[in-house]
Amino acid sequence: MRSLRIGLLLGLRQIQRANLWTTGLIIFVMMLTFLNLIAVSGILVGLIAGAETAVREKSLGDIILSPRDDEDHILETEAVERQLAAFPEITAYSVRYRAGGELEANYMERRDLRGERDVASVNVTGIDINRELAMTNIDKEIVAGEFLDPREEGYIVLGALYTEEYASNFGDIFETVSGVQPGDQVRLTVGDISKEFTVKGILQSKVDEVSLNTYLPEREFRRFFGRIDRNADQIVIRVVRPDENTVVKNALVSLGLEGQAKVQTYEEGKPKFITDIKNTMNLLGTFIGSIGIVVASITIFIIIFINALSRQRQIGILKGIGIDRRAIEIAYVIQAGFYALLGSALGALLTYGFLLGYFERNPIPFPFSDGILVADPTETFIRFIVLFVITLVAGFLPAWLIVRKNTLNSILGRK
């Protein structure tokens, strides 16, 4: 304890007497190191978090009902809807019907009937328009034309990745039709049944399930595909408090809904590749941040070593008058700890006080998501501890190397 008290006193005196510009530069380096450790991985993870948020908002919602493994559709869908409408925790839900078909465009302009047709295999989703808009605000993703109107019939909305003009940016990987604009006629075929629809609008979203889809009003979908039983393929649900979706799911299960459908929270039903990519990005960010820690620790080592080397005569005098070498080592460790603590505090203040909110308001527009900054407080604290400990070690080693020299040689400046 005596060595600790003396070391603390010596360390504080060294900090007070240090050059302000040098101290400021060291603290700035530590702040950048902290930001590198937190912000780089946070942005990489935020790329996937942005995609995850978009999928939740524009497609899957907070709770997902899908057919049981032994069924093709959700059983007794109308009865399920009545139960959902009675839940005060549920703010919106959308009932969806799904099937596949063949979309043909430009068939009226085709001169050679034996030539290649302009067709694409498409996913078709039938929706209650008002419920879908309340659930996902999908009409905000329209890039050409308008969304479906519940008072109209004979209209279809196409996902942008089914049109050659929009899908060309992704290469030749999607089946597309060309030259299709709002107001054009297209023909949808299922088996031996075909029907012409007018393109009402084109949807473009960073959620593939939206951009790789076509939408029809529910009544037209069921009539066209012969779905007279009204049993849906998917029901997505929005709850008042998304973080409590597990509680609502358990309440639905307790009512016996698992007899009609598979009930999953968003976390259980989201695509597994999203979680895998998120973990990979987090690991990559940690690796990049670790390089920054190594650079910062080397910087601290050099600064403390030069500082101790320039003061080896004073160190020798302190040892000569009876100051324990451990107290001197503690003084330099405290100095290094001060740099790490203040630099990390400034980095944390910048991250949580400005950067998180800034990227929330101004997400980074990547092709597949709107990237945000993710900084989990628990992970931030763990990384701070790692940075702090490594900095203490980097401060101790040069002091130990200088202090261990012979006292007389230190006083006389001998090597």
Protein backbone atom coordinates (compact mmCIF):
# COMPACT_ATOMS: atom_id res chain seq x y z
CA MET A 1 0.00 0.00 0.00
CA ARG A 2 2.87 2.35 0.71
CA SER A 3 4.32 1.72 -2.75
CA LEU A 4 0.89 2.25 -4.25
CA ARG A 5 0.39 5.59 -2.48
CA ILE A 6 3.85 6.82 -3.46
CA GLY A 7 3.40 5.54 -7.03
CA LEU A 8 0.06 7.31 -7.27
CA LEU A 9 1.63 10.57 -6.08
CA LEU A 10 4.55 10.27 -8.50
CA GLY A 11 2.23 9.36 -11.39
CA LEU A 12 -0.03 12.36 -10.80
CA ARG A 13 2.98 14.67 -10.61
CA GLN A 14 4.28 13.30 -13.91
CA ILE A 15 0.91 13.88 -15.59
CA GLN A 16 0.69 17.43 -14.21
CA ARG A 17 4.19 18.31 -15.38
CA ALA A 18 3.91 16.64 -18.79
CA ASN A 19 3.82 18.71 -21.97
CA LEU A 20 0.18 19.54 -22.75
CA TRP A 21 0.60 18.98 -26.49
CA THR A 22 2.19 15.58 -25.93
CA THR A 23 -0.50 14.57 -23.44
CA GLY A 24 -3.24 15.74 -25.81
CA LEU A 25 -1.72 13.82 -28.70
CA ILE A 26 -1.48 10.60 -26.70
CA ILE A 27 -5.09 10.94 -25.51
CA PHE A 28 -6.19 11.62 -29.11
CA VAL A 29 -4.40 8.45 -30.28
CA MET A 30 -6.13 6.45 -27.53
CA MET A 31 -9.50 7.93 -28.51
CA LEU A 32 -8.97 6.95 -32.16
CA THR A 33 -7.91 3.48 -31.06
CA PHE A 34 -11.10 3.12 -29.04
CA LEU A 35 -13.19 4.34 -31.96
CA ASN A 36 -11.38 1.96 -34.29
CA LEU A 37 -12.15 -0.89 -31.93
CA ILE A 38 -15.82 0.02 -31.50
CA ALA A 39 -16.91 1.95 -34.58
CA VAL A 40 -15.29 -0.21 -37.29
CA SER A 41 -16.87 -3.43 -36.06
CA GLY A 42 -20.06 -1.47 -35.29
CA ILE A 43 -20.37 -0.28 -38.88
CA LEU A 44 -19.60 -3.73 -40.30
CA VAL A 45 -22.22 -5.30 -38.04
CA GLY A 46 -24.49 -2.35 -38.81
CA LEU A 47 -24.55 -3.30 -42.49
CA ILE A 48 -26.29 -6.53 -41.58
CA ALA A 49 -28.30 -4.93 -38.77
CA GLY A 50 -29.67 -2.47 -41.33
CA ALA A 51 -30.69 -5.34 -43.61
CA GLU A 52 -32.18 -7.14 -40.61
CA THR A 53 -34.23 -4.07 -39.66
CA ALA A 54 -35.47 -3.67 -43.24
CA VAL A 55 -36.57 -7.31 -43.43
CA ARG A 56 -38.41 -6.91 -40.12
CA GLU A 57 -40.13 -3.68 -41.16
CA LYS A 58 -40.91 -4.45 -44.80
CA SER A 59 -41.48 -8.19 -44.79
CA LEU A 60 -41.57 -10.46 -41.74
CA GLY A 61 -42.75 -8.26 -38.86
CA ASP A 62 -42.29 -9.24 -35.19
CA ILE A 63 -44.13 -12.58 -35.23
CA ILE A 64 -44.56 -14.95 -38.18
CA LEU A 65 -47.29 -17.54 -38.68
CA SER A 66 -46.56 -20.12 -41.38
CA PRO A 67 -47.97 -23.55 -42.30
CA ARG A 68 -47.13 -26.43 -39.99
CA ASP A 69 -44.62 -28.92 -41.32
CA ASP A 70 -47.41 -31.42 -42.11
CA GLU A 71 -49.67 -28.88 -43.85
CA ASP A 72 -49.58 -26.76 -47.02
CA HIS A 73 -51.45 -23.76 -45.63
CA ILE A 74 -52.39 -22.15 -42.33
CA LEU A 75 -55.51 -23.93 -41.12
CA GLU A 76 -58.69 -22.05 -40.23
CA THR A 77 -57.17 -18.73 -41.23
CA GLU A 78 -60.36 -16.77 -40.61
CA ALA A 79 -60.57 -18.05 -37.03
CA VAL A 80 -56.89 -17.15 -36.51
CA GLU A 81 -57.60 -13.62 -37.78
CA ARG A 82 -60.38 -13.17 -35.25
CA GLN A 83 -58.02 -14.17 -32.43
CA LEU A 84 -55.33 -11.77 -33.64
CA ALA A 85 -57.82 -8.89 -33.85
CA ALA A 86 -58.69 -9.42 -30.17
CA PHE A 87 -55.08 -9.01 -28.97
CA PRO A 88 -54.37 -5.49 -27.65
CA GLU A 89 -50.61 -6.13 -27.96
CA ILE A 90 -50.95 -6.53 -31.75
CA THR A 91 -50.99 -3.26 -33.70
CA ALA A 92 -51.19 -4.70 -37.25
CA TYR A 93 -51.09 -7.95 -39.18
CA SER A 94 -51.17 -9.00 -42.82
CA VAL A 95 -52.54 -12.22 -44.31
CA ARG A 96 -50.66 -13.35 -47.41
CA TYR A 97 -51.39 -15.93 -50.10
CA ARG A 98 -48.50 -17.16 -52.22
CA ALA A 99 -47.97 -19.10 -55.42
CA GLY A 100 -45.76 -19.20 -58.49
CA GLY A 101 -46.59 -18.26 -62.05
CA GLU A 102 -45.19 -17.24 -65.41
CA LEU A 103 -45.19 -13.56 -66.37
CA GLU A 104 -45.14 -12.62 -70.04
CA ALA A 105 -44.61 -9.13 -71.45
CA ASN A 106 -44.53 -7.61 -74.93
CA TYR A 107 -46.68 -10.41 -76.33
CA MET A 108 -48.77 -7.97 -78.35
CA GLU A 109 -45.71 -6.61 -80.17
CA ARG A 110 -44.20 -10.03 -80.93
CA ARG A 111 -44.26 -10.50 -84.71
CA ASP A 112 -42.83 -13.99 -84.91
CA LEU A 113 -45.13 -16.26 -82.91
CA ARG A 114 -42.51 -18.99 -83.12
CA GLY A 115 -39.80 -16.73 -81.67
CA GLU A 116 -38.64 -16.58 -78.09
CA ARG A 117 -41.23 -15.19 -75.69
CA ASP A 118 -40.44 -12.46 -73.15
CA VAL A 119 -41.27 -14.44 -70.00
CA ALA A 120 -40.08 -14.80 -66.40
CA SER A 121 -41.03 -17.16 -63.60
CA VAL A 122 -42.34 -15.04 -60.74
CA ASN A 123 -43.54 -15.32 -57.18
CA VAL A 124 -47.07 -14.01 -56.74
CA THR A 125 -48.45 -12.76 -53.42
CA GLY A 126 -52.09 -11.98 -52.75
CA ILE A 127 -52.66 -9.37 -50.04
CA ASP A 128 -55.36 -7.45 -48.27
CA ILE A 129 -54.09 -4.07 -49.45
CA ASN A 130 -55.14 -1.99 -46.46
CA ARG A 131 -53.77 -4.49 -43.93
CA GLU A 132 -50.49 -4.83 -45.83
CA LEU A 133 -49.97 -1.08 -45.97
CA ALA A 134 -50.71 -0.77 -42.24
CA MET A 135 -48.24 -3.57 -41.59
CA THR A 136 -45.27 -2.68 -43.84
CA ASN A 137 -45.91 0.68 -45.60
CA ILE A 138 -44.80 -1.14 -48.71
CA ASP A 139 -46.30 1.58 -50.94
CA LYS A 140 -43.34 3.80 -49.96
CA GLU A 141 -41.08 1.44 -51.95
CA ILE A 142 -42.82 2.28 -55.26
CA VAL A 143 -40.29 3.72 -57.76
CA ALA A 144 -42.62 3.96 -60.75
CA GLY A 145 -46.38 4.23 -60.95
CA GLU A 146 -48.62 3.61 -57.92
CA PHE A 147 -49.46 0.85 -55.50
CA LEU A 148 -52.62 -1.24 -55.73
CA ASP A 149 -55.97 0.36 -54.95
CA PRO A 150 -58.48 -1.85 -53.08
CA ARG A 151 -61.30 -0.38 -55.19
CA GLU A 152 -59.76 -1.49 -58.50
CA GLU A 153 -59.34 -4.83 -60.25
CA GLY A 154 -57.16 -6.07 -63.08
CA TYR A 155 -53.94 -4.47 -61.78
CA ILE A 156 -50.64 -5.97 -60.68
CA VAL A 157 -47.53 -4.55 -59.00
CA LEU A 158 -44.13 -5.92 -60.08
CA GLY A 159 -40.95 -6.24 -58.04
CA ALA A 160 -38.11 -4.31 -59.69
CA LEU A 161 -35.85 -7.35 -59.98
CA TYR A 162 -38.32 -8.92 -62.43
CA THR A 163 -37.77 -6.04 -64.86
CA GLU A 164 -34.69 -5.92 -67.04
CA GLU A 165 -34.19 -2.17 -66.58
CA TYR A 166 -33.79 -2.42 -62.80
CA ALA A 167 -32.22 -5.87 -62.54
CA SER A 168 -29.40 -5.11 -65.02
CA ASN A 169 -27.30 -3.63 -62.20
CA PHE A 170 -27.06 -7.10 -60.64
CA GLY A 171 -25.95 -8.90 -63.79
CA ASP A 172 -27.79 -11.64 -65.59
CA ILE A 173 -28.89 -13.59 -62.49
CA PHE A 174 -32.65 -12.95 -62.44
CA GLU A 175 -35.36 -13.97 -64.87
CA THR A 176 -36.73 -10.69 -66.16
CA VAL A 177 -39.09 -9.16 -68.69
CA SER A 178 -38.00 -6.10 -70.65
CA GLY A 179 -39.53 -2.74 -71.43
CA VAL A 180 -42.28 -2.97 -68.82
CA GLN A 181 -43.60 0.32 -67.44
CA PRO A 182 -46.68 1.26 -65.41
CA GLY A 183 -49.73 1.15 -67.68
CA ASP A 184 -48.39 -1.74 -69.81
CA GLN A 185 -50.24 -5.02 -70.17
CA VAL A 186 -48.68 -8.27 -68.95
CA ARG A 187 -50.00 -11.80 -68.98
CA LEU A 188 -49.84 -14.06 -65.92
CA THR A 189 -50.09 -17.79 -66.53
CA VAL A 190 -50.61 -20.66 -64.09
CA GLY A 191 -50.95 -24.06 -65.73
CA ASP A 192 -53.56 -23.72 -68.46
CA ILE A 193 -55.04 -20.51 -67.08
CA SER A 194 -53.89 -17.07 -68.25
CA LYS A 195 -55.08 -13.58 -67.48
CA GLU A 196 -54.00 -10.14 -68.54
CA PHE A 197 -53.18 -7.49 -65.94
CA THR A 198 -52.23 -3.85 -66.18
CA VAL A 199 -48.99 -2.94 -64.42
CA LYS A 200 -49.97 -0.49 -61.69
CA GLY A 201 -46.49 0.13 -60.29
CA ILE A 202 -42.97 -1.18 -59.77
CA LEU A 203 -41.52 -1.85 -56.31
CA GLN A 204 -37.83 -1.52 -55.54
CA SER A 205 -36.61 -2.38 -52.05
CA LYS A 206 -33.40 -3.47 -50.38
CA VAL A 207 -35.40 -6.45 -49.11
CA ASP A 208 -35.16 -9.16 -51.79
CA GLU A 209 -38.46 -10.69 -50.77
CA VAL A 210 -40.15 -7.43 -51.84
CA SER A 211 -38.17 -6.76 -55.03
CA LEU A 212 -38.51 -10.41 -56.13
CA ASN A 213 -42.28 -10.54 -55.87
CA THR A 214 -45.45 -9.56 -57.65
CA TYR A 215 -48.56 -8.41 -55.80
CA LEU A 216 -52.25 -8.92 -56.48
CA PRO A 217 -55.31 -8.02 -54.40
CA GLU A 218 -56.33 -10.98 -52.26
CA ARG A 219 -59.70 -11.53 -53.96
CA GLU A 220 -58.16 -11.64 -57.44
CA PHE A 221 -55.37 -13.92 -56.27
CA ARG A 222 -57.76 -16.44 -54.74
CA ARG A 223 -60.03 -16.34 -57.80
CA PHE A 224 -57.13 -16.73 -60.24
CA PHE A 225 -55.37 -19.51 -58.33
CA GLY A 226 -58.56 -21.25 -57.19
CA ARG A 227 -57.95 -20.71 -53.49
CA ILE A 228 -61.54 -20.88 -52.28
CA ASP A 229 -60.71 -22.18 -48.79
CA ARG A 230 -59.23 -18.80 -47.66
CA ASN A 231 -56.40 -20.63 -45.86
CA ALA A 232 -53.33 -18.40 -46.12
CA ASP A 233 -49.65 -19.18 -46.65
CA GLN A 234 -48.27 -16.61 -44.21
CA ILE A 235 -49.47 -14.17 -41.56
CA VAL A 236 -47.03 -11.54 -40.32
CA ILE A 237 -47.72 -9.58 -37.14
CA ARG A 238 -46.56 -6.26 -35.71
CA VAL A 239 -46.69 -5.85 -31.92
CA VAL A 240 -46.70 -2.77 -29.69
CA ARG A 241 -43.32 -3.56 -28.14
CA PRO A 242 -41.09 -5.47 -30.60
CA ASP A 243 -38.67 -6.45 -27.82
CA GLU A 244 -41.55 -8.32 -26.11
CA ASN A 245 -42.58 -10.35 -29.15
CA THR A 246 -41.66 -13.57 -27.33
CA VAL A 247 -44.28 -12.80 -24.67
CA VAL A 248 -46.95 -12.27 -27.32
CA LYS A 249 -45.87 -15.43 -29.15
CA ASN A 250 -46.23 -17.47 -25.95
CA ALA A 251 -49.68 -15.99 -25.41
CA LEU A 252 -50.70 -17.03 -28.94
CA VAL A 253 -49.34 -20.52 -28.38
CA SER A 254 -51.28 -20.79 -25.10
CA LEU A 255 -54.48 -20.11 -27.07
CA GLY A 256 -53.77 -23.17 -29.21
CA LEU A 257 -52.64 -21.43 -32.41
CA GLU A 258 -49.91 -24.04 -32.89
CA GLY A 259 -52.71 -26.38 -33.93
CA GLN A 260 -53.33 -24.20 -37.00
CA ALA A 261 -49.88 -22.78 -37.77
CA LYS A 262 -46.22 -22.67 -36.84
CA VAL A 263 -45.70 -19.65 -34.58
CA GLN A 264 -42.26 -18.00 -34.60
CA THR A 265 -40.77 -14.74 -33.41
CA TYR A 266 -38.78 -12.72 -35.92
CA GLU A 267 -35.54 -13.93 -34.33
CA GLU A 268 -36.61 -17.55 -34.83
CA GLY A 269 -37.97 -17.10 -38.33
CA LYS A 270 -35.41 -14.79 -39.91
CA PRO A 271 -33.03 -16.29 -42.50
CA LYS A 272 -30.08 -18.01 -40.83
CA PHE A 273 -27.56 -16.47 -43.23
CA ILE A 274 -28.26 -13.03 -41.73
CA THR A 275 -27.09 -14.22 -38.30
CA ASP A 276 -24.06 -15.96 -39.82
CA ILE A 277 -23.00 -12.86 -41.77
CA LYS A 278 -23.55 -10.68 -38.70
CA ASN A 279 -21.24 -12.89 -36.62
CA THR A 280 -18.64 -12.89 -39.40
CA MET A 281 -18.70 -9.09 -39.66
CA ASN A 282 -18.36 -8.80 -35.88
CA LEU A 283 -15.33 -11.11 -35.96
CA LEU A 284 -13.80 -9.15 -38.85
CA GLY A 285 -14.35 -5.87 -37.03
CA THR A 286 -12.76 -7.26 -33.87
CA PHE A 287 -9.74 -8.38 -35.89
CA ILE A 288 -9.34 -4.93 -37.47
CA GLY A 289 -9.78 -3.28 -34.07
CA SER A 290 -7.16 -5.59 -32.57
CA ILE A 291 -4.62 -4.24 -35.01
CA GLY A 292 -5.42 -0.79 -33.67
CA ILE A 293 -4.87 -2.00 -30.10
CA VAL A 294 -1.44 -3.36 -31.05
CA VAL A 295 -0.52 -0.04 -32.70
CA ALA A 296 -1.74 1.93 -29.66
CA SER A 297 0.12 -0.32 -27.21
CA ILE A 298 3.35 0.08 -29.20
CA THR A 299 2.81 3.86 -29.21
CA ILE A 300 2.30 3.91 -25.44
CA PHE A 301 5.35 1.67 -24.97
CA ILE A 302 7.57 4.00 -26.99
CA ILE A 303 6.29 7.14 -25.28
CA ILE A 304 6.68 5.71 -21.77
CA PHE A 305 10.09 4.25 -22.63
CA ILE A 306 11.41 7.58 -23.96
CA ASN A 307 9.91 9.37 -20.97
CA ALA A 308 11.49 6.95 -18.50
CA LEU A 309 14.80 6.93 -20.38
CA SER A 310 15.01 10.74 -20.30
CA ARG A 311 14.33 10.62 -16.57
CA GLN A 312 16.57 7.75 -15.62
CA ARG A 313 18.75 10.07 -13.53
CA GLN A 314 15.72 11.18 -11.50
CA ILE A 315 14.68 7.52 -11.25
CA GLY A 316 18.15 6.67 -9.93
CA ILE A 317 17.93 9.47 -7.35
CA LEU A 318 14.48 8.27 -6.23
CA LYS A 319 15.83 4.76 -5.79
CA GLY A 320 18.87 6.18 -3.98
CA ILE A 321 16.75 7.98 -1.37
CA GLY A 322 14.80 4.81 -0.63
CA ILE A 323 11.81 4.91 -2.96
CA ASP A 324 10.84 1.33 -3.77
CA ARG A 325 11.19 0.40 -7.44
CA ARG A 326 7.62 -0.88 -7.43
CA ALA A 327 6.37 2.63 -6.60
CA ILE A 328 8.21 4.01 -9.64
CA GLU A 329 6.80 1.28 -11.88
CA ILE A 330 3.30 1.99 -10.52
CA ALA A 331 3.76 5.68 -11.36
CA TYR A 332 4.33 4.91 -15.03
CA VAL A 333 1.49 2.36 -15.09
CA ILE A 334 -0.83 5.02 -13.67
CA GLN A 335 0.34 7.43 -16.34
CA ALA A 336 -0.47 4.89 -19.08
CA GLY A 337 -3.81 4.10 -17.41
CA PHE A 338 -4.68 7.79 -17.38
CA TYR A 339 -4.13 8.03 -21.13
CA ALA A 340 -6.22 4.93 -21.80
CA LEU A 341 -9.03 5.93 -19.45
CA LEU A 342 -9.41 9.49 -20.70
CA GLY A 343 -9.02 8.54 -24.38
CA SER A 344 -11.59 5.73 -24.07
CA ALA A 345 -14.00 8.01 -22.18
CA LEU A 346 -13.82 10.58 -24.96
CA GLY A 347 -14.29 7.83 -27.55
CA ALA A 348 -17.34 6.44 -25.71
CA LEU A 349 -18.80 9.94 -25.36
CA LEU A 350 -18.38 10.53 -29.08
CA THR A 351 -19.83 7.12 -29.96
CA TYR A 352 -22.92 7.18 -27.76
CA GLY A 353 -23.42 10.93 -27.72
CA PHE A 354 -23.10 11.61 -31.44
CA LEU A 355 -22.21 8.76 -33.82
CA LEU A 356 -25.07 6.39 -32.92
CA GLY A 357 -27.68 9.07 -33.40
CA TYR A 358 -26.02 10.43 -36.54
CA PHE A 359 -25.97 7.07 -38.33
CA GLU A 360 -29.51 6.37 -37.13
CA ARG A 361 -30.65 9.57 -38.84
CA ASN A 362 -28.28 9.24 -41.81
CA PRO A 363 -27.77 5.53 -42.58
CA ILE A 364 -25.06 4.56 -45.06
CA PRO A 365 -26.78 3.68 -48.38
CA PHE A 366 -25.33 0.30 -49.33
CA PRO A 367 -26.87 -1.68 -52.23
CA PHE A 368 -28.37 -4.33 -49.93
CA SER A 369 -29.12 -2.32 -46.78
CA ASP A 370 -29.07 1.05 -45.07
CA GLY A 371 -26.08 0.64 -42.76
CA ILE A 372 -26.19 1.93 -39.20
CA LEU A 373 -23.74 1.89 -36.30
CA VAL A 374 -24.17 -0.89 -33.75
CA ALA A 375 -22.42 -0.49 -30.38
CA ASP A 376 -23.64 -2.93 -27.75
CA PRO A 377 -22.75 -1.50 -24.30
CA THR A 378 -21.65 -4.88 -22.94
CA GLU A 379 -19.31 -5.56 -25.86
CA THR A 380 -18.03 -1.98 -25.67
CA PHE A 381 -17.18 -2.42 -21.99
CA ILE A 382 -15.38 -5.71 -22.64
CA ARG A 383 -13.29 -4.15 -25.40
CA PHE A 384 -12.50 -1.18 -23.17
CA ILE A 385 -11.23 -3.57 -20.47
CA VAL A 386 -9.01 -5.31 -23.05
CA LEU A 387 -7.66 -1.97 -24.30
CA PHE A 388 -7.10 -0.73 -20.74
CA VAL A 389 -5.24 -3.85 -19.59
CA ILE A 390 -3.00 -3.94 -22.68
CA THR A 391 -2.22 -0.24 -22.20
CA LEU A 392 -1.24 -0.88 -18.56
CA VAL A 393 1.10 -3.63 -19.67
CA ALA A 394 2.54 -1.34 -22.36
CA GLY A 395 3.17 1.27 -19.65
CA PHE A 396 4.72 -1.19 -17.19
CA LEU A 397 7.28 -2.84 -19.49
CA PRO A 398 9.43 0.23 -20.35
CA ALA A 399 9.34 1.41 -16.73
CA TRP A 400 10.45 -2.04 -15.59
CA LEU A 401 13.31 -2.03 -18.12
CA ILE A 402 14.61 1.35 -16.89
CA VAL A 403 14.02 0.86 -13.16
CA ARG A 404 15.84 -2.46 -13.04
CA LYS A 405 19.15 -0.77 -14.01
CA ASN A 406 21.82 -0.23 -11.40
CA THR A 407 21.02 2.81 -9.23
CA LEU A 408 24.52 4.35 -9.44
CA ASN A 409 24.70 3.88 -13.19
CA SER A 410 21.30 5.54 -13.56
CA ILE A 411 22.40 8.55 -11.49
CA LEU A 412 25.67 8.93 -13.41
CA GLY A 413 24.00 8.32 -16.80
CA ARG A 414 26.01 5.21 -17.58
CA LYS A 415 24.70 2.48 -19.86
